[in-house]
C-alpha cells in the first residue's frame, strides 16, 4: 500500500511540474509578444517608410 501511495505522489508531482512549466512558457511568450508590439508601435512609422521606399525603388513609383 505504501508503494502505491509513493507511486501516486511521484506521478502527481510530475504533473504539477509540467503545469508550472507550461505557465512559465506562456508567460515568456506573452512577454516576448508584448516587446514585439511595443517595438512595432514605437518604430511603426519608420518601418512603413522603409517598406514604402523599397517598394518605390523596385516598382519605379508604382502603386505602393
N, C-alpha and C. Protein backbone atom coordinates (compact mmCIF):
# COMPACT_ATOMS: atom_id res chain seq x y z
N UNK A 1 0.82 -1.19 0.00
CA UNK A 1 0.00 0.00 0.00
C UNK A 1 0.87 1.26 0.00
N UNK A 2 1.95 1.22 0.76
CA UNK A 2 2.85 2.36 0.78
C UNK A 2 3.47 2.60 -0.59
N UNK A 3 3.76 1.52 -1.29
CA UNK A 3 4.35 1.63 -2.62
C UNK A 3 3.39 2.37 -3.56
N UNK A 4 2.10 2.05 -3.48
CA UNK A 4 1.10 2.69 -4.32
C UNK A 4 1.00 4.18 -4.00
N UNK A 5 1.03 4.51 -2.72
CA UNK A 5 0.95 5.91 -2.30
C UNK A 5 2.17 6.68 -2.81
N UNK A 6 3.34 6.10 -2.69
CA UNK A 6 4.57 6.74 -3.16
C UNK A 6 4.53 6.92 -4.67
N UNK A 7 4.06 5.90 -5.37
CA UNK A 7 3.96 5.96 -6.82
C UNK A 7 3.00 7.06 -7.26
N UNK A 8 1.84 7.14 -6.61
CA UNK A 8 0.86 8.17 -6.96
C UNK A 8 1.38 9.57 -6.63
N UNK A 9 2.04 9.73 -5.50
CA UNK A 9 2.61 11.03 -5.14
C UNK A 9 3.65 11.47 -6.16
N UNK A 10 4.49 10.55 -6.59
CA UNK A 10 5.51 10.88 -7.59
C UNK A 10 4.86 11.27 -8.91
N UNK A 11 3.81 10.57 -9.28
CA UNK A 11 3.12 10.86 -10.55
C UNK A 11 2.46 12.24 -10.51
N UNK A 12 1.78 12.56 -9.40
CA UNK A 12 1.13 13.86 -9.30
C UNK A 12 2.15 14.99 -9.20
N UNK A 13 3.29 14.75 -8.60
CA UNK A 13 4.33 15.77 -8.53
C UNK A 13 4.84 16.11 -9.92
N UNK A 14 5.00 15.10 -10.77
CA UNK A 14 5.44 15.35 -12.14
C UNK A 14 4.40 16.15 -12.90
N UNK A 15 3.12 15.85 -12.69
CA UNK A 15 2.06 16.58 -13.38
C UNK A 15 2.05 18.04 -12.96
N UNK A 16 2.27 18.32 -11.68
CA UNK A 16 2.31 19.70 -11.21
C UNK A 16 3.50 20.44 -11.80
N UNK A 17 4.63 19.77 -11.94
CA UNK A 17 5.81 20.40 -12.54
C UNK A 17 5.56 20.73 -14.01
N UNK A 18 4.88 19.83 -14.73
CA UNK A 18 4.56 20.09 -16.13
C UNK A 18 3.64 21.29 -16.25
N UNK A 19 2.68 21.39 -15.35
CA UNK A 19 1.75 22.52 -15.37
C UNK A 19 2.47 23.83 -15.10
N UNK A 20 3.40 23.81 -14.16
CA UNK A 20 4.17 25.02 -13.87
C UNK A 20 5.03 25.40 -15.06
N UNK A 21 5.62 24.43 -15.72
CA UNK A 21 6.44 24.73 -16.89
C UNK A 21 5.60 25.35 -17.99
N UNK A 22 4.39 24.84 -18.19
CA UNK A 22 3.51 25.39 -19.22
C UNK A 22 3.16 26.84 -18.91
N UNK A 23 2.90 27.13 -17.65
CA UNK A 23 2.59 28.51 -17.26
C UNK A 23 3.80 29.40 -17.48
N UNK A 24 4.97 28.93 -17.13
CA UNK A 24 6.18 29.73 -17.32
C UNK A 24 6.43 30.00 -18.80
N UNK A 25 6.26 28.99 -19.64
CA UNK A 25 6.43 29.21 -21.07
C UNK A 25 5.38 30.17 -21.61
N UNK A 26 4.17 30.08 -21.12
CA UNK A 26 3.12 31.01 -21.54
C UNK A 26 3.45 32.44 -21.17
N UNK A 27 3.96 32.65 -19.97
CA UNK A 27 4.36 33.99 -19.55
C UNK A 27 5.53 34.51 -20.38
N UNK A 28 6.46 33.63 -20.70
CA UNK A 28 7.60 34.03 -21.52
C UNK A 28 7.14 34.45 -22.91
N UNK A 29 6.24 33.70 -23.51
CA UNK A 29 5.72 34.04 -24.84
C UNK A 29 4.94 35.34 -24.78
N UNK A 30 4.14 35.54 -23.73
CA UNK A 30 3.39 36.79 -23.59
C UNK A 30 4.33 37.98 -23.46
N UNK A 31 5.42 37.82 -22.72
CA UNK A 31 6.40 38.90 -22.59
C UNK A 31 7.07 39.24 -23.90
N UNK A 32 7.44 38.22 -24.65
CA UNK A 32 8.07 38.45 -25.96
C UNK A 32 7.10 39.15 -26.90
N UNK A 33 5.83 38.72 -26.88
CA UNK A 33 4.82 39.34 -27.74
C UNK A 33 4.62 40.81 -27.36
N UNK A 34 4.64 41.12 -26.06
CA UNK A 34 4.49 42.50 -25.61
C UNK A 34 5.65 43.36 -26.10
N UNK A 35 6.85 42.83 -26.06
CA UNK A 35 8.02 43.58 -26.55
C UNK A 35 7.90 43.82 -28.05
N UNK A 36 7.47 42.82 -28.80
CA UNK A 36 7.32 42.98 -30.25
C UNK A 36 6.28 44.05 -30.56
N UNK A 37 5.15 44.03 -29.86
CA UNK A 37 4.10 45.03 -30.08
C UNK A 37 4.63 46.42 -29.74
N UNK A 38 5.35 46.56 -28.65
CA UNK A 38 5.90 47.86 -28.27
C UNK A 38 6.88 48.38 -29.32
N UNK A 39 7.73 47.52 -29.84
CA UNK A 39 8.69 47.93 -30.87
C UNK A 39 7.97 48.37 -32.14
N UNK A 40 6.94 47.64 -32.53
CA UNK A 40 6.19 48.00 -33.73
C UNK A 40 5.48 49.33 -33.54
N UNK A 41 4.93 49.58 -32.35
CA UNK A 41 4.27 50.85 -32.09
C UNK A 41 5.27 52.00 -32.14
N UNK A 42 6.41 51.82 -31.51
CA UNK A 42 7.42 52.89 -31.45
C UNK A 42 8.04 53.14 -32.82
N UNK A 43 8.36 52.08 -33.53
CA UNK A 43 9.06 52.22 -34.81
C UNK A 43 8.13 52.06 -36.02
N UNK A 44 6.82 52.09 -35.81
CA UNK A 44 5.87 51.83 -36.89
C UNK A 44 6.04 52.74 -38.09
N UNK A 45 6.19 54.03 -37.86
CA UNK A 45 6.34 54.98 -38.96
C UNK A 45 7.61 54.75 -39.75
N UNK A 46 8.69 54.47 -39.07
CA UNK A 46 9.97 54.23 -39.75
C UNK A 46 9.91 52.94 -40.56
N UNK A 47 9.26 51.92 -40.00
CA UNK A 47 9.14 50.65 -40.73
C UNK A 47 8.30 50.84 -41.98
N UNK A 48 7.19 51.57 -41.85
CA UNK A 48 6.32 51.83 -43.00
C UNK A 48 7.08 52.62 -44.06
N UNK A 49 7.84 53.61 -43.64
CA UNK A 49 8.64 54.39 -44.59
C UNK A 49 9.68 53.55 -45.31
N UNK A 50 10.31 52.65 -44.60
CA UNK A 50 11.31 51.78 -45.22
C UNK A 50 10.68 50.88 -46.26
N UNK A 51 9.51 50.31 -45.95
CA UNK A 51 8.83 49.46 -46.93
C UNK A 51 8.35 50.27 -48.13
N UNK A 52 7.86 51.48 -47.88
CA UNK A 52 7.41 52.33 -48.99
C UNK A 52 8.57 52.71 -49.89
N UNK A 53 9.70 53.08 -49.31
CA UNK A 53 10.89 53.42 -50.10
C UNK A 53 11.35 52.22 -50.92
N UNK A 54 11.35 51.05 -50.31
CA UNK A 54 11.77 49.84 -51.02
C UNK A 54 10.82 49.53 -52.17
N UNK A 55 9.53 49.65 -51.92
CA UNK A 55 8.53 49.39 -52.96
C UNK A 55 8.68 50.38 -54.11
N UNK A 56 8.89 51.65 -53.78
CA UNK A 56 9.06 52.67 -54.81
C UNK A 56 10.31 52.42 -55.64
N UNK A 57 11.38 51.98 -54.98
CA UNK A 57 12.62 51.72 -55.70
C UNK A 57 12.47 50.52 -56.64
N UNK A 58 11.70 49.53 -56.23
CA UNK A 58 11.53 48.34 -57.06
C UNK A 58 10.58 48.60 -58.22
N UNK A 59 9.45 49.24 -57.93
CA UNK A 59 8.43 49.41 -58.96
C UNK A 59 8.54 50.74 -59.71
N UNK A 60 9.44 51.60 -59.32
CA UNK A 60 9.59 52.89 -60.00
C UNK A 60 8.39 53.79 -59.74
N UNK A 61 8.07 54.02 -58.50
CA UNK A 61 6.95 54.85 -58.03
C UNK A 61 5.61 54.36 -58.55
N UNK A 62 5.44 53.06 -58.54
CA UNK A 62 4.17 52.46 -58.95
C UNK A 62 3.15 52.54 -57.83
N UNK A 63 2.37 51.53 -57.67
CA UNK A 63 1.31 51.53 -56.66
C UNK A 63 1.84 50.98 -55.33
N UNK A 64 2.38 51.86 -54.52
CA UNK A 64 2.91 51.45 -53.21
C UNK A 64 2.07 52.00 -52.10
